[in-house]
Every structure is written in C-alpha cells, then in structure tokens.
Amino acid sequence: MLSCCGEFNDALATYILQNREAVLERNREIVFRNLRIAQEWIDNEPRVTWQAPKGVSVAYIQWDIPTDDEEFCIKLLKEEGVLLVPGNRFELPGGARLGYCAPEPVLREGLARLGRALRQFD
C-alpha cells in the first residue's frame, strides 16, 4: 500500500481543528513568553531596536552597525550558527527579520550569540 504526505497532512489538520483551543493556547503561551525574552534582550542591547510585535512570532529588528545587512547575516550564520533574514531582502536595510518562536534555551542562546556578534562594533 502506498501512502502520501497528503493523508498525513489531512490527519494532522483534522486533529488540530478538533483541538484548536488547546493548540492556540499552547502557541500563544510560547509566543508571548518568547516575546518577553526578546524584549528583555532588546532592552539591554544598545545597538538594536524594534517596534514590538503583537501576537506574532517574527519581528523586524533594526541595528546600528556600520556594515551591510546581508554581509552581517551571512557572517553571523557562518560564525555563530544564527540565522536571520537580512532587512534588505524586504527593502528594509539596517536590520533583519528575527523569528523568536523556538524553545526557550535555543532562543536565549541565539540572542546571546547575536549580541556577541554585535559587540565587534563596540
């Protein structure tokens, strides 16, 4: 018997729809907890600002560094293992798209590594 991903996707979607309140509650908890962690990091990171998002798991951060977004993000990925989407990809130079819906230890470590990379400009 052959099976395809469509059957799995349908079963998963059915489960989620049947349990949507529990799934939404879990996701809201993760997003808002991680938003607080990211906000705390930004409050203590002199080179980064943002317009705090409301209920989503990604945001655009702006930074004050004398280098190209793309160049910085590639170096950040290669040297620190942190993936950000450069702002110039959204016609928003001077920052990056930050996703913060990750397990708490991963988020904290990623922010610490990003902060370390930004210190090179101090």
PDB file of N, CA and C in Angstrom:
ATOM      1  N   MET A   1       0.836  -1.168   0.000  1.00  0.00           N
ATOM      2  CA  MET A   1       0.000   0.000   0.000  1.00  0.00           C
ATOM      3  C   MET A   1       0.893   1.247   0.000  1.00  0.00           C
ATOM      4  N   LEU A   2       0.565   2.203  -0.820  1.00  0.00           N
ATOM      5  CA  LEU A   2       1.295   3.446  -0.894  1.00  0.00           C
ATOM      6  C   LEU A   2       0.535   4.534  -0.143  1.00  0.00           C
ATOM      7  N   SER A   3       1.283   5.353   0.503  1.00  0.00           N
ATOM      8  CA  SER A   3       0.683   6.471   1.219  1.00  0.00           C
ATOM      9  C   SER A   3       1.405   7.742   0.803  1.00  0.00           C
ATOM     10  N   CYS A   4       0.721   8.839   0.894  1.00  0.00           N
ATOM     11  CA  CYS A   4       1.381  10.088   0.530  1.00  0.00           C
ATOM     12  C   CYS A   4       1.257  11.095   1.672  1.00  0.00           C
ATOM     13  N   CYS A   5       1.996  12.165   1.562  1.00  0.00           N
ATOM     14  CA  CYS A   5       2.002  13.186   2.610  1.00  0.00           C
ATOM     15  C   CYS A   5       0.639  13.825   2.790  1.00  0.00           C
ATOM     16  N   GLY A   6      -0.152  13.858   1.743  1.00  0.00           N
ATOM     17  CA  GLY A   6      -1.477  14.459   1.830  1.00  0.00           C
ATOM     18  C   GLY A   6      -2.335  13.812   2.906  1.00  0.00           C
ATOM     19  N   GLU A   7      -2.250  12.509   3.043  1.00  0.00           N
ATOM     20  CA  GLU A   7      -3.034  11.804   4.070  1.00  0.00           C
ATOM     21  C   GLU A   7      -2.576  12.219   5.465  1.00  0.00           C
ATOM     22  N   PHE A   8      -1.290  12.312   5.652  1.00  0.00           N
ATOM     23  CA  PHE A   8      -0.753  12.754   6.942  1.00  0.00           C
ATOM     24  C   PHE A   8      -1.182  14.185   7.230  1.00  0.00           C
ATOM     25  N   ASN A   9      -1.037  15.058   6.221  1.00  0.00           N
ATOM     26  CA  ASN A   9      -1.429  16.458   6.401  1.00  0.00           C
ATOM     27  C   ASN A   9      -2.904  16.582   6.750  1.00  0.00           C
ATOM     28  N   ASP A  10      -3.739  15.795   6.091  1.00  0.00           N
ATOM     29  CA  ASP A  10      -5.174  15.824   6.389  1.00  0.00           C
ATOM     30  C   ASP A  10      -5.444  15.375   7.824  1.00  0.00           C
ATOM     31  N   ALA A  11      -4.772  14.318   8.252  1.00  0.00           N
ATOM     32  CA  ALA A  11      -4.971  13.818   9.619  1.00  0.00           C
ATOM     33  C   ALA A  11      -4.496  14.847  10.638  1.00  0.00           C
ATOM     34  N   LEU A  12      -3.372  15.465  10.377  1.00  0.00           N
ATOM     35  CA  LEU A  12      -2.851  16.488  11.278  1.00  0.00           C
ATOM     36  C   LEU A  12      -3.782  17.694  11.337  1.00  0.00           C
ATOM     37  N   ALA A  13      -4.256  18.142  10.188  1.00  0.00           N
ATOM     38  CA  ALA A  13      -5.175  19.285  10.153  1.00  0.00           C
ATOM     39  C   ALA A  13      -6.468  18.960  10.897  1.00  0.00           C
ATOM     40  N   THR A  14      -6.975  17.768  10.740  1.00  0.00           N
ATOM     41  CA  THR A  14      -8.197  17.354  11.441  1.00  0.00           C
ATOM     42  C   THR A  14      -7.976  17.370  12.944  1.00  0.00           C
ATOM     43  N   TYR A  15      -6.848  16.836  13.387  1.00  0.00           N
ATOM     44  CA  TYR A  15      -6.526  16.828  14.817  1.00  0.00           C
ATOM     45  C   TYR A  15      -6.459  18.256  15.363  1.00  0.00           C
ATOM     46  N   ILE A  16      -5.761  19.120  14.628  1.00  0.00           N
ATOM     47  CA  ILE A  16      -5.600  20.499  15.088  1.00  0.00           C
ATOM     48  C   ILE A  16      -6.950  21.206  15.151  1.00  0.00           C
ATOM     49  N   LEU A  17      -7.767  21.021  14.133  1.00  0.00           N
ATOM     50  CA  LEU A  17      -9.083  21.662  14.151  1.00  0.00           C
ATOM     51  C   LEU A  17      -9.955  21.143  15.300  1.00  0.00           C
ATOM     52  N   GLN A  18      -9.855  19.871  15.589  1.00  0.00           N
ATOM     53  CA  GLN A  18     -10.634  19.304  16.691  1.00  0.00           C
ATOM     54  C   GLN A  18     -10.126  19.780  18.044  1.00  0.00           C
ATOM     55  N   ASN A  19      -8.865  20.194  18.101  1.00  0.00           N
ATOM     56  CA  ASN A  19      -8.245  20.628  19.353  1.00  0.00           C
ATOM     57  C   ASN A  19      -7.729  22.057  19.257  1.00  0.00           C
ATOM     58  N   ARG A  20      -8.369  22.867  18.460  1.00  0.00           N
ATOM     59  CA  ARG A  20      -7.836  24.196  18.149  1.00  0.00           C
ATOM     60  C   ARG A  20      -7.634  25.081  19.366  1.00  0.00           C
ATOM     61  N   GLU A  21      -8.513  25.035  20.344  1.00  0.00           N
ATOM     62  CA  GLU A  21      -8.337  25.891  21.527  1.00  0.00           C
ATOM     63  C   GLU A  21      -7.077  25.514  22.303  1.00  0.00           C
ATOM     64  N   ALA A  22      -6.846  24.220  22.456  1.00  0.00           N
ATOM     65  CA  ALA A  22      -5.638  23.769  23.161  1.00  0.00           C
ATOM     66  C   ALA A  22      -4.377  24.127  22.365  1.00  0.00           C
ATOM     67  N   VAL A  23      -4.440  23.968  21.051  1.00  0.00           N
ATOM     68  CA  VAL A  23      -3.292  24.295  20.202  1.00  0.00           C
ATOM     69  C   VAL A  23      -3.020  25.798  20.244  1.00  0.00           C
ATOM     70  N   LEU A  24      -4.067  26.603  20.132  1.00  0.00           N
ATOM     71  CA  LEU A  24      -3.895  28.058  20.196  1.00  0.00           C
ATOM     72  C   LEU A  24      -3.364  28.503  21.548  1.00  0.00           C
ATOM     73  N   GLU A  25      -3.875  27.911  22.606  1.00  0.00           N
ATOM     74  CA  GLU A  25      -3.400  28.250  23.962  1.00  0.00           C
ATOM     75  C   GLU A  25      -1.905  27.965  24.095  1.00  0.00           C
ATOM     76  N   ARG A  26      -1.492  26.797  23.636  1.00  0.00           N
ATOM     77  CA  ARG A  26      -0.071  26.424  23.688  1.00  0.00           C
ATOM     78  C   ARG A  26       0.776  27.392  22.879  1.00  0.00           C
ATOM     79  N   ASN A  27       0.329  27.690  21.660  1.00  0.00           N
ATOM     80  CA  ASN A  27       1.101  28.570  20.789  1.00  0.00           C
ATOM     81  C   ASN A  27       1.175  29.988  21.343  1.00  0.00           C
ATOM     82  N   ARG A  28       0.070  30.489  21.878  1.00  0.00           N
ATOM     83  CA  ARG A  28       0.085  31.824  22.487  1.00  0.00           C
ATOM     84  C   ARG A  28       1.065  31.879  23.648  1.00  0.00           C
ATOM     85  N   GLU A  29       1.069  30.838  24.458  1.00  0.00           N
ATOM     86  CA  GLU A  29       1.986  30.784  25.602  1.00  0.00           C
ATOM     87  C   GLU A  29       3.435  30.879  25.136  1.00  0.00           C
ATOM     88  N   ILE A  30       3.778  30.119  24.101  1.00  0.00           N
ATOM     89  CA  ILE A  30       5.148  30.135  23.566  1.00  0.00           C
ATOM     90  C   ILE A  30       5.484  31.510  22.992  1.00  0.00           C
ATOM     91  N   VAL A  31       4.598  32.044  22.165  1.00  0.00           N
ATOM     92  CA  VAL A  31       4.870  33.320  21.511  1.00  0.00           C
ATOM     93  C   VAL A  31       5.035  34.435  22.532  1.00  0.00           C
ATOM     94  N   PHE A  32       4.120  34.538  23.501  1.00  0.00           N
ATOM     95  CA  PHE A  32       4.201  35.647  24.449  1.00  0.00           C
ATOM     96  C   PHE A  32       5.348  35.486  25.452  1.00  0.00           C
ATOM     97  N   ARG A  33       5.671  34.261  25.831  1.00  0.00           N
ATOM     98  CA  ARG A  33       6.843  34.048  26.692  1.00  0.00           C
ATOM     99  C   ARG A  33       8.107  34.461  25.951  1.00  0.00           C
ATOM    100  N   ASN A  34       8.228  34.036  24.704  1.00  0.00           N
ATOM    101  CA  ASN A  34       9.422  34.353  23.938  1.00  0.00           C
ATOM    102  C   ASN A  34       9.485  35.828  23.564  1.00  0.00           C
ATOM    103  N   LEU A  35       8.344  36.452  23.385  1.00  0.00           N
ATOM    104  CA  LEU A  35       8.320  37.888  23.134  1.00  0.00           C
ATOM    105  C   LEU A  35       8.906  38.639  24.333  1.00  0.00           C
ATOM    106  N   ARG A  36       8.557  38.215  25.544  1.00  0.00           N
ATOM    107  CA  ARG A  36       9.119  38.843  26.746  1.00  0.00           C
ATOM    108  C   ARG A  36      10.639  38.649  26.810  1.00  0.00           C
ATOM    109  N   ILE A  37      11.109  37.464  26.450  1.00  0.00           N
ATOM    110  CA  ILE A  37      12.554  37.186  26.442  1.00  0.00           C
ATOM    111  C   ILE A  37      13.249  38.082  25.418  1.00  0.00           C
ATOM    112  N   ALA A  38      12.688  38.170  24.223  1.00  0.00           N
ATOM    113  CA  ALA A  38      13.284  39.003  23.174  1.00  0.00           C
ATOM    114  C   ALA A  38      13.260  40.479  23.578  1.00  0.00           C
ATOM    115  N   GLN A  39      12.177  40.924  24.192  1.00  0.00           N
ATOM    116  CA  GLN A  39      12.092  42.319  24.619  1.00  0.00           C
ATOM    117  C   GLN A  39      13.138  42.630  25.687  1.00  0.00           C
ATOM    118  N   GLU A  40      13.322  41.712  26.615  1.00  0.00           N
ATOM    119  CA  GLU A  40      14.346  41.888  27.651  1.00  0.00           C
ATOM    120  C   GLU A  40      15.729  42.005  27.007  1.00  0.00           C
ATOM    121  N   TRP A  41      16.002  41.168  26.008  1.00  0.00           N
ATOM    122  CA  TRP A  41      17.286  41.212  25.320  1.00  0.00           C
ATOM    123  C   TRP A  41      17.455  42.559  24.611  1.00  0.00           C
ATOM    124  N   ILE A  42      16.432  42.986  23.903  1.00  0.00           N
ATOM    125  CA  ILE A  42      16.497  44.256  23.177  1.00  0.00           C
ATOM    126  C   ILE A  42      16.679  45.424  24.137  1.00  0.00           C
ATOM    127  N   ASP A  43      16.007  45.384  25.272  1.00  0.00           N
ATOM    128  CA  ASP A  43      16.147  46.451  26.264  1.00  0.00           C
ATOM    129  C   ASP A  43      17.583  46.587  26.761  1.00  0.00           C
ATOM    130  N   ASN A  44      18.346  45.514  26.674  1.00  0.00           N
ATOM    131  CA  ASN A  44      19.726  45.515  27.146  1.00  0.00           C
ATOM    132  C   ASN A  44      20.750  45.493  26.021  1.00  0.00           C
ATOM    133  N   GLU A  45      20.292  45.618  24.793  1.00  0.00           N
ATOM    134  CA  GLU A  45      21.183  45.573  23.631  1.00  0.00           C
ATOM    135  C   GLU A  45      21.234  46.964  23.003  1.00  0.00           C
ATOM    136  N   PRO A  46      22.321  47.712  23.234  1.00  0.00           N
ATOM    137  CA  PRO A  46      22.364  49.108  22.796  1.00  0.00           C
ATOM    138  C   PRO A  46      22.312  49.326  21.284  1.00  0.00           C
ATOM    139  N   ARG A  47      22.635  48.331  20.495  1.00  0.00           N
ATOM    140  CA  ARG A  47      22.660  48.511  19.042  1.00  0.00           C
ATOM    141  C   ARG A  47      21.376  48.065  18.349  1.00  0.00           C
ATOM    142  N   VAL A  48      20.379  47.592  19.117  1.00  0.00           N
ATOM    143  CA  VAL A  48      19.174  47.022  18.500  1.00  0.00           C
ATOM    144  C   VAL A  48      17.921  47.698  19.039  1.00  0.00           C
ATOM    145  N   THR A  49      16.989  47.957  18.117  1.00  0.00           N
ATOM    146  CA  THR A  49      15.660  48.450  18.479  1.00  0.00           C
ATOM    147  C   THR A  49      14.629  47.694  17.653  1.00  0.00           C
ATOM    148  N   TRP A  50      13.380  47.818  18.063  1.00  0.00           N
ATOM    149  CA  TRP A  50      12.285  47.248  17.275  1.00  0.00           C
ATOM    150  C   TRP A  50      10.980  47.906  17.665  1.00  0.00           C
ATOM    151  N   GLN A  51      10.004  47.711  16.811  1.00  0.00           N
ATOM    152  CA  GLN A  51       8.631  48.020  17.141  1.00  0.00           C
ATOM    153  C   GLN A  51       8.077  46.684  17.604  1.00  0.00           C
ATOM    154  N   ALA A  52       7.842  46.540  18.902  1.00  0.00           N
ATOM    155  CA  ALA A  52       7.443  45.234  19.452  1.00  0.00           C
ATOM    156  C   ALA A  52       6.204  44.698  18.738  1.00  0.00           C
ATOM    157  N   PRO A  53       6.280  43.472  18.276  1.00  0.00           N
ATOM    158  CA  PRO A  53       5.133  42.869  17.589  1.00  0.00           C
ATOM    159  C   PRO A  53       4.014  42.530  18.567  1.00  0.00           C
ATOM    160  N   LYS A  54       2.843  42.294  18.020  1.00  0.00           N
ATOM    161  CA  LYS A  54       1.673  41.967  18.839  1.00  0.00           C
ATOM    162  C   LYS A  54       1.100  40.618  18.409  1.00  0.00           C
ATOM    163  N   GLY A  55       1.515  39.567  19.086  1.00  0.00           N
ATOM    164  CA  GLY A  55       0.908  38.259  18.858  1.00  0.00           C
ATOM    165  C   GLY A  55       1.413  37.464  17.675  1.00  0.00           C
ATOM    166  N   VAL A  56       2.575  37.807  17.153  1.00  0.00           N
ATOM    167  CA  VAL A  56       3.167  37.024  16.075  1.00  0.00           C
ATOM    168  C   VAL A  56       4.547  36.542  16.516  1.00  0.00           C
ATOM    169  N   SER A  57       5.108  35.636  15.763  1.00  0.00           N
ATOM    170  CA  SER A  57       6.374  35.025  16.204  1.00  0.00           C
ATOM    171  C   SER A  57       7.593  35.512  15.438  1.00  0.00           C
ATOM    172  N   VAL A  58       7.441  36.559  14.642  1.00  0.00           N
ATOM    173  CA  VAL A  58       8.568  37.157  13.937  1.00  0.00           C
ATOM    174  C   VAL A  58       8.483  38.669  14.048  1.00  0.00           C
ATOM    175  N   ALA A  59       9.619  39.317  13.926  1.00  0.00           N
ATOM    176  CA  ALA A  59       9.660  40.769  14.001  1.00  0.00           C
ATOM    177  C   ALA A  59      10.831  41.285  13.189  1.00  0.00           C
ATOM    178  N   TYR A  60      10.779  42.574  12.888  1.00  0.00           N
ATOM    179  CA  TYR A  60      11.891  43.230  12.227  1.00  0.00           C
ATOM    180  C   TYR A  60      12.667  43.992  13.297  1.00  0.00           C
ATOM    181  N   ILE A  61      13.955  43.669  13.413  1.00  0.00           N
ATOM    182  CA  ILE A  61      14.818  44.400  14.342  1.00  0.00           C
ATOM    183  C   ILE A  61      15.701  45.338  13.536  1.00  0.00           C
ATOM    184  N   GLN A  62      15.962  46.508  14.082  1.00  0.00           N
ATOM    185  CA  GLN A  62      16.867  47.458  13.460  1.00  0.00           C
ATOM    186  C   GLN A  62      18.134  47.499  14.286  1.00  0.00           C
ATOM    187  N   TRP A  63      19.254  47.656  13.602  1.00  0.00           N
ATOM    188  CA  TRP A  63      20.515  47.736  14.328  1.00  0.00           C
ATOM    189  C   TRP A  63      21.351  48.901  13.832  1.00  0.00           C
ATOM    190  N   ASP A  64      22.246  49.289  14.691  1.00  0.00           N
ATOM    191  CA  ASP A  64      23.153  50.391  14.409  1.00  0.00           C
ATOM    192  C   ASP A  64      24.557  49.812  14.278  1.00  0.00           C
ATOM    193  N   ILE A  65      24.854  49.321  13.076  1.00  0.00           N
ATOM    194  CA  ILE A  65      26.181  48.766  12.808  1.00  0.00           C
ATOM    195  C   ILE A  65      26.648  49.263  11.445  1.00  0.00           C
ATOM    196  N   PRO A  66      27.949  49.457  11.291  1.00  0.00           N
ATOM    197  CA  PRO A  66      28.488  50.015  10.041  1.00  0.00           C
ATOM    198  C   PRO A  66      28.820  48.948   8.999  1.00  0.00           C
ATOM    199  N   THR A  67      27.870  48.068   8.730  1.00  0.00           N
ATOM    200  CA  THR A  67      28.114  47.040   7.719  1.00  0.00           C
ATOM    201  C   THR A  67      26.801  46.685   7.038  1.00  0.00           C
ATOM    202  N   ASP A  68      26.902  46.092   5.882  1.00  0.00           N
ATOM    203  CA  ASP A  68      25.762  45.673   5.089  1.00  0.00           C
ATOM    204  C   ASP A  68      24.990  44.548   5.794  1.00  0.00           C
ATOM    205  N   ASP A  69      23.663  44.615   5.743  1.00  0.00           N
ATOM    206  CA  ASP A  69      22.817  43.600   6.394  1.00  0.00           C
ATOM    207  C   ASP A  69      23.156  42.189   5.932  1.00  0.00           C
ATOM    208  N   GLU A  70      23.220  42.041   4.640  1.00  0.00           N
ATOM    209  CA  GLU A  70      23.465  40.718   4.057  1.00  0.00           C
ATOM    210  C   GLU A  70      24.813  40.172   4.522  1.00  0.00           C
ATOM    211  N   GLU A  71      25.822  41.002   4.457  1.00  0.00           N
ATOM    212  CA  GLU A  71      27.166  40.604   4.876  1.00  0.00           C
ATOM    213  C   GLU A  71      27.169  40.184   6.350  1.00  0.00           C
ATOM    214  N   PHE A  72      26.525  40.990   7.195  1.00  0.00           N
ATOM    215  CA  PHE A  72      26.478  40.676   8.621  1.00  0.00           C
ATOM    216  C   PHE A  72      25.736  39.369   8.872  1.00  0.00           C
ATOM    217  N   CYS A  73      24.594  39.183   8.215  1.00  0.00           N
ATOM    218  CA  CYS A  73      23.796  37.971   8.441  1.00  0.00           C
ATOM    219  C   CYS A  73      24.516  36.712   7.972  1.00  0.00           C
ATOM    220  N   ILE A  74      25.237  36.804   6.857  1.00  0.00           N
ATOM    221  CA  ILE A  74      25.999  35.643   6.372  1.00  0.00           C
ATOM    222  C   ILE A  74      27.113  35.306   7.363  1.00  0.00           C
ATOM    223  N   LYS A  75      27.816  36.331   7.824  1.00  0.00           N
ATOM    224  CA  LYS A  75      28.888  36.119   8.800  1.00  0.00           C
ATOM    225  C   LYS A  75      28.317  35.557  10.107  1.00  0.00           C
ATOM    226  N   LEU A  76      27.170  36.072  10.531  1.00  0.00           N
ATOM    227  CA  LEU A  76      26.513  35.593  11.750  1.00  0.00           C
ATOM    228  C   LEU A  76      26.162  34.108  11.629  1.00  0.00           C
ATOM    229  N   LEU A  77      25.661  33.720  10.491  1.00  0.00           N
ATOM    230  CA  LEU A  77      25.317  32.313  10.269  1.00  0.00           C
ATOM    231  C   LEU A  77      26.570  31.439  10.262  1.00  0.00           C
ATOM    232  N   LYS A  78      27.590  31.860   9.560  1.00  0.00           N
ATOM    233  CA  LYS A  78      28.819  31.061   9.463  1.00  0.00           C
ATOM    234  C   LYS A  78      29.557  30.959  10.794  1.00  0.00           C
ATOM    235  N   GLU A  79      29.651  32.074  11.519  1.00  0.00           N
ATOM    236  CA  GLU A  79      30.473  32.094  12.726  1.00  0.00           C
ATOM    237  C   GLU A  79      29.715  31.740  13.998  1.00  0.00           C
ATOM    238  N   GLU A  80      28.428  32.049  14.051  1.00  0.00           N
ATOM    239  CA  GLU A  80      27.666  31.835  15.282  1.00  0.00           C
ATOM    240  C   GLU A  80      26.524  30.830  15.132  1.00  0.00           C
ATOM    241  N   GLY A  81      26.215  30.432  13.886  1.00  0.00           N
ATOM    242  CA  GLY A  81      25.131  29.485  13.673  1.00  0.00           C
ATOM    243  C   GLY A  81      23.752  30.078  13.898  1.00  0.00           C
ATOM    244  N   VAL A  82      23.639  31.402  13.753  1.00  0.00           N
ATOM    245  CA  VAL A  82      22.363  32.099  13.957  1.00  0.00           C
ATOM    246  C   VAL A  82      21.862  32.581  12.604  1.00  0.00           C
ATOM    247  N   LEU A  83      20.618  32.232  12.287  1.00  0.00           N
ATOM    248  CA  LEU A  83      20.029  32.581  11.002  1.00  0.00           C
ATOM    249  C   LEU A  83      19.044  33.727  11.166  1.00  0.00           C
ATOM    250  N   LEU A  84      19.340  34.834  10.521  1.00  0.00           N
ATOM    251  CA  LEU A  84      18.430  35.975  10.408  1.00  0.00           C
ATOM    252  C   LEU A  84      18.259  36.269   8.933  1.00  0.00           C
ATOM    253  N   VAL A  85      17.112  36.818   8.548  1.00  0.00           N
ATOM    254  CA  VAL A  85      16.908  37.228   7.167  1.00  0.00           C
ATOM    255  C   VAL A  85      17.251  38.711   7.078  1.00  0.00           C
ATOM    256  N   PRO A  86      18.221  39.063   6.237  1.00  0.00           N
ATOM    257  CA  PRO A  86      18.637  40.463   6.146  1.00  0.00           C
ATOM    258  C   PRO A  86      17.484  41.383   5.754  1.00  0.00           C
ATOM    259  N   GLY A  87      17.463  42.555   6.361  1.00  0.00           N
ATOM    260  CA  GLY A  87      16.404  43.515   6.084  1.00  0.00           C
ATOM    261  C   GLY A  87      16.342  43.949   4.634  1.00  0.00           C
ATOM    262  N   ASN A  88      17.499  43.972   3.960  1.00  0.00           N
ATOM    263  CA  ASN A  88      17.489  44.402   2.560  1.00  0.00           C
ATOM    264  C   ASN A  88      16.669  43.463   1.676  1.00  0.00           C
ATOM    265  N   ARG A  89      16.411  42.239   2.136  1.00  0.00           N
ATOM    266  CA  ARG A  89      15.552  41.302   1.394  1.00  0.00           C
ATOM    267  C   ARG A  89      14.089  41.747   1.404  1.00  0.00           C
ATOM    268  N   PHE A  90      13.743  42.656   2.314  1.00  0.00           N
ATOM    269  CA  PHE A  90      12.389  43.196   2.439  1.00  0.00           C
ATOM    270  C   PHE A  90      12.363  44.687   2.109  1.00  0.00           C
ATOM    271  N   GLU A  91      13.466  45.155   1.487  1.00  0.00           N
ATOM    272  CA  GLU A  91      13.638  46.573   1.209  1.00  0.00           C
ATOM    273  C   GLU A  91      13.599  47.397   2.498  1.00  0.00           C
ATOM    274  N   LEU A  92      14.147  46.816   3.566  1.00  0.00           N
ATOM    275  CA  LEU A  92      14.259  47.459   4.874  1.00  0.00           C
ATOM    276  C   LEU A  92      15.704  47.347   5.367  1.00  0.00           C
ATOM    277  N   PRO A  93      16.621  48.061   4.740  1.00  0.00           N
ATOM    278  CA  PRO A  93      18.012  47.954   5.170  1.00  0.00           C
ATOM    279  C   PRO A  93      18.208  48.462   6.591  1.00  0.00           C
ATOM    280  N   GLY A  94      19.264  47.972   7.211  1.00  0.00           N
ATOM    281  CA  GLY A  94      19.589  48.409   8.569  1.00  0.00           C
ATOM    282  C   GLY A  94      19.033  47.511   9.637  1.00  0.00           C
ATOM    283  N   GLY A  95      18.765  46.245   9.294  1.00  0.00           N
ATOM    284  CA  GLY A  95      18.231  45.322  10.279  1.00  0.00           C
ATOM    285  C   GLY A  95      17.991  43.947   9.690  1.00  0.00           C
ATOM    286  N   ALA A  96      17.106  43.190  10.358  1.00  0.00           N
ATOM    287  CA  ALA A  96      16.841  41.823   9.921  1.00  0.00           C
ATOM    288  C   ALA A  96      15.515  41.340  10.476  1.00  0.00           C
ATOM    289  N   ARG A  97      15.023  40.284   9.877  1.00  0.00           N
ATOM    290  CA  ARG A  97      13.838  39.606  10.380  1.00  0.00           C
ATOM    291  C   ARG A  97      14.296  38.589  11.410  1.00  0.00           C
ATOM    292  N   LEU A  98      13.710  38.688  12.598  1.00  0.00           N
ATOM    293  CA  LEU A  98      14.042  37.803  13.708  1.00  0.00           C
ATOM    294  C   LEU A  98      12.831  36.945  14.032  1.00  0.00           C
ATOM    295  N   GLY A  99      12.993  35.641  13.946  1.00  0.00           N
ATOM    296  CA  GLY A  99      11.959  34.717  14.391  1.00  0.00           C
ATOM    297  C   GLY A  99      12.278  34.294  15.813  1.00  0.00           C
ATOM    298  N   TYR A 100      11.291  34.344  16.688  1.00  0.00           N
ATOM    299  CA  TYR A 100      11.579  34.018  18.087  1.00  0.00           C
ATOM    300  C   TYR A 100      10.663  32.923  18.646  1.00  0.00           C
ATOM    301  N   CYS A 101      10.106  32.116  17.784  1.00  0.00           N
ATOM    302  CA  CYS A 101       9.255  31.015  18.243  1.00  0.00           C
ATOM    303  C   CYS A 101      10.095  29.734  18.250  1.00  0.00           C
ATOM    304  N   ALA A 102      10.896  29.609  19.276  1.00  0.00           N
ATOM    305  CA  ALA A 102      11.812  28.476  19.421  1.00  0.00           C
ATOM    306  C   ALA A 102      11.780  28.046  20.876  1.00  0.00           C
ATOM    307  N   PRO A 103      12.292  26.872  21.171  1.00  0.00           N
ATOM    308  CA  PRO A 103      12.412  26.506  22.590  1.00  0.00           C
ATOM    309  C   PRO A 103      13.218  27.574  23.327  1.00  0.00           C
ATOM    310  N   GLU A 104      12.827  27.864  24.553  1.00  0.00           N
ATOM    311  CA  GLU A 104      13.447  28.940  25.313  1.00  0.00           C
ATOM    312  C   GLU A 104      14.972  28.879  25.353  1.00  0.00           C
ATOM    313  N   PRO A 105      15.583  27.730  25.627  1.00  0.00           N
ATOM    314  CA  PRO A 105      17.062  27.700  25.652  1.00  0.00           C
ATOM    315  C   PRO A 105      17.680  28.049  24.296  1.00  0.00           C
ATOM    316  N   VAL A 106      17.044  27.634  23.218  1.00  0.00           N
ATOM    317  CA  VAL A 106      17.554  27.930  21.874  1.00  0.00           C
ATOM    318  C   VAL A 106      17.457  29.428  21.603  1.00  0.00           C
ATOM    319  N   LEU A 107      16.324  30.021  21.958  1.00  0.00           N
ATOM    320  CA  LEU A 107      16.149  31.457  21.770  1.00  0.00           C
ATOM    321  C   LEU A 107      17.177  32.239  22.569  1.00  0.00           C
ATOM    322  N   ARG A 108      17.331  31.907  23.822  1.00  0.00           N
ATOM    323  CA  ARG A 108      18.295  32.632  24.667  1.00  0.00           C
ATOM    324  C   ARG A 108      19.724  32.509  24.126  1.00  0.00           C
ATOM    325  N   GLU A 109      20.088  31.321  23.701  1.00  0.00           N
ATOM    326  CA  GLU A 109      21.433  31.118  23.155  1.00  0.00           C
ATOM    327  C   GLU A 109      21.611  31.886  21.846  1.00  0.00           C
ATOM    328  N   GLY A 110      20.606  31.858  20.985  1.00  0.00           N
ATOM    329  CA  GLY A 110      20.690  32.592  19.727  1.00  0.00           C
ATOM    330  C   GLY A 110      20.826  34.089  19.945  1.00  0.00           C
ATOM    331  N   LEU A 111      20.055  34.632  20.887  1.00  0.00           N
ATOM    332  CA  LEU A 111      20.162  36.057  21.192  1.00  0.00           C
ATOM    333  C   LEU A 111      21.532  36.393  21.788  1.00  0.00           C
ATOM    334  N   ALA A 112      22.044  35.515  22.623  1.00  0.00           N
ATOM    335  CA  ALA A 112      23.375  35.733  23.200  1.00  0.00           C
ATOM    336  C   ALA A 112      24.436  35.752  22.099  1.00  0.00           C
ATOM    337  N   ARG A 113      24.319  34.849  21.154  1.00  0.00           N
ATOM    338  CA  ARG A 113      25.274  34.806  20.045  1.00  0.00           C
ATOM    339  C   ARG A 113      25.147  36.036  19.154  1.00  0.00           C
ATOM    340  N   LEU A 114      23.917  36.471  18.908  1.00  0.00           N
ATOM    341  CA  LEU A 114      23.713  37.689  18.129  1.00  0.00           C
ATOM    342  C   LEU A 114      24.332  38.878  18.851  1.00  0.00           C
ATOM    343  N   GLY A 115      24.118  38.964  20.142  1.00  0.00           N
ATOM    344  CA  GLY A 115      24.717  40.037  20.929  1.00  0.00           C
ATOM    345  C   GLY A 115      26.236  40.010  20.854  1.00  0.00           C
ATOM    346  N   ARG A 116      26.800  38.817  20.916  1.00  0.00           N
ATOM    347  CA  ARG A 116      28.260  38.671  20.827  1.00  0.00           C
ATOM    348  C   ARG A 116      28.760  39.176  19.460  1.00  0.00           C
ATOM    349  N   ALA A 117      28.031  38.857  18.419  1.00  0.00           N
ATOM    350  CA  ALA A 117      28.424  39.307  17.075  1.00  0.00           C
ATOM    351  C   ALA A 117      28.321  40.832  16.955  1.00  0.00           C
ATOM    352  N   LEU A 118      27.352  41.409  17.604  1.00  0.00           N
ATOM    353  CA  LEU A 118      27.190  42.869  17.559  1.00  0.00           C
ATOM    354  C   LEU A 118      28.293  43.582  18.338  1.00  0.00           C
ATOM    355  N   ARG A 119      28.885  42.921  19.313  1.00  0.00           N
ATOM    356  CA  ARG A 119      29.948  43.531  20.140  1.00  0.00           C
ATOM    357  C   ARG A 119      31.176  43.884  19.325  1.00  0.00           C
ATOM    358  N   GLN A 120      31.361  43.254  18.173  1.00  0.00           N
ATOM    359  CA  GLN A 120      32.524  43.574  17.351  1.00  0.00           C
ATOM    360  C   GLN A 120      32.499  45.035  16.894  1.00  0.00           C
ATOM    361  N   PHE A 121      31.349  45.697  16.982  1.00  0.00           N
ATOM    362  CA  PHE A 121      31.224  47.078  16.544  1.00  0.00           C
ATOM    363  C   PHE A 121      31.326  48.082  17.687  1.00  0.00           C
ATOM    364  N   ASP A 122      31.596  47.593  18.911  1.00  0.00           N
ATOM    365  CA  ASP A 122      31.735  48.498  20.060  1.00  0.00           C
ATOM    366  C   ASP A 122      33.056  49.219  20.019  1.00  0.00           C
TER     367      ASP A 122
END
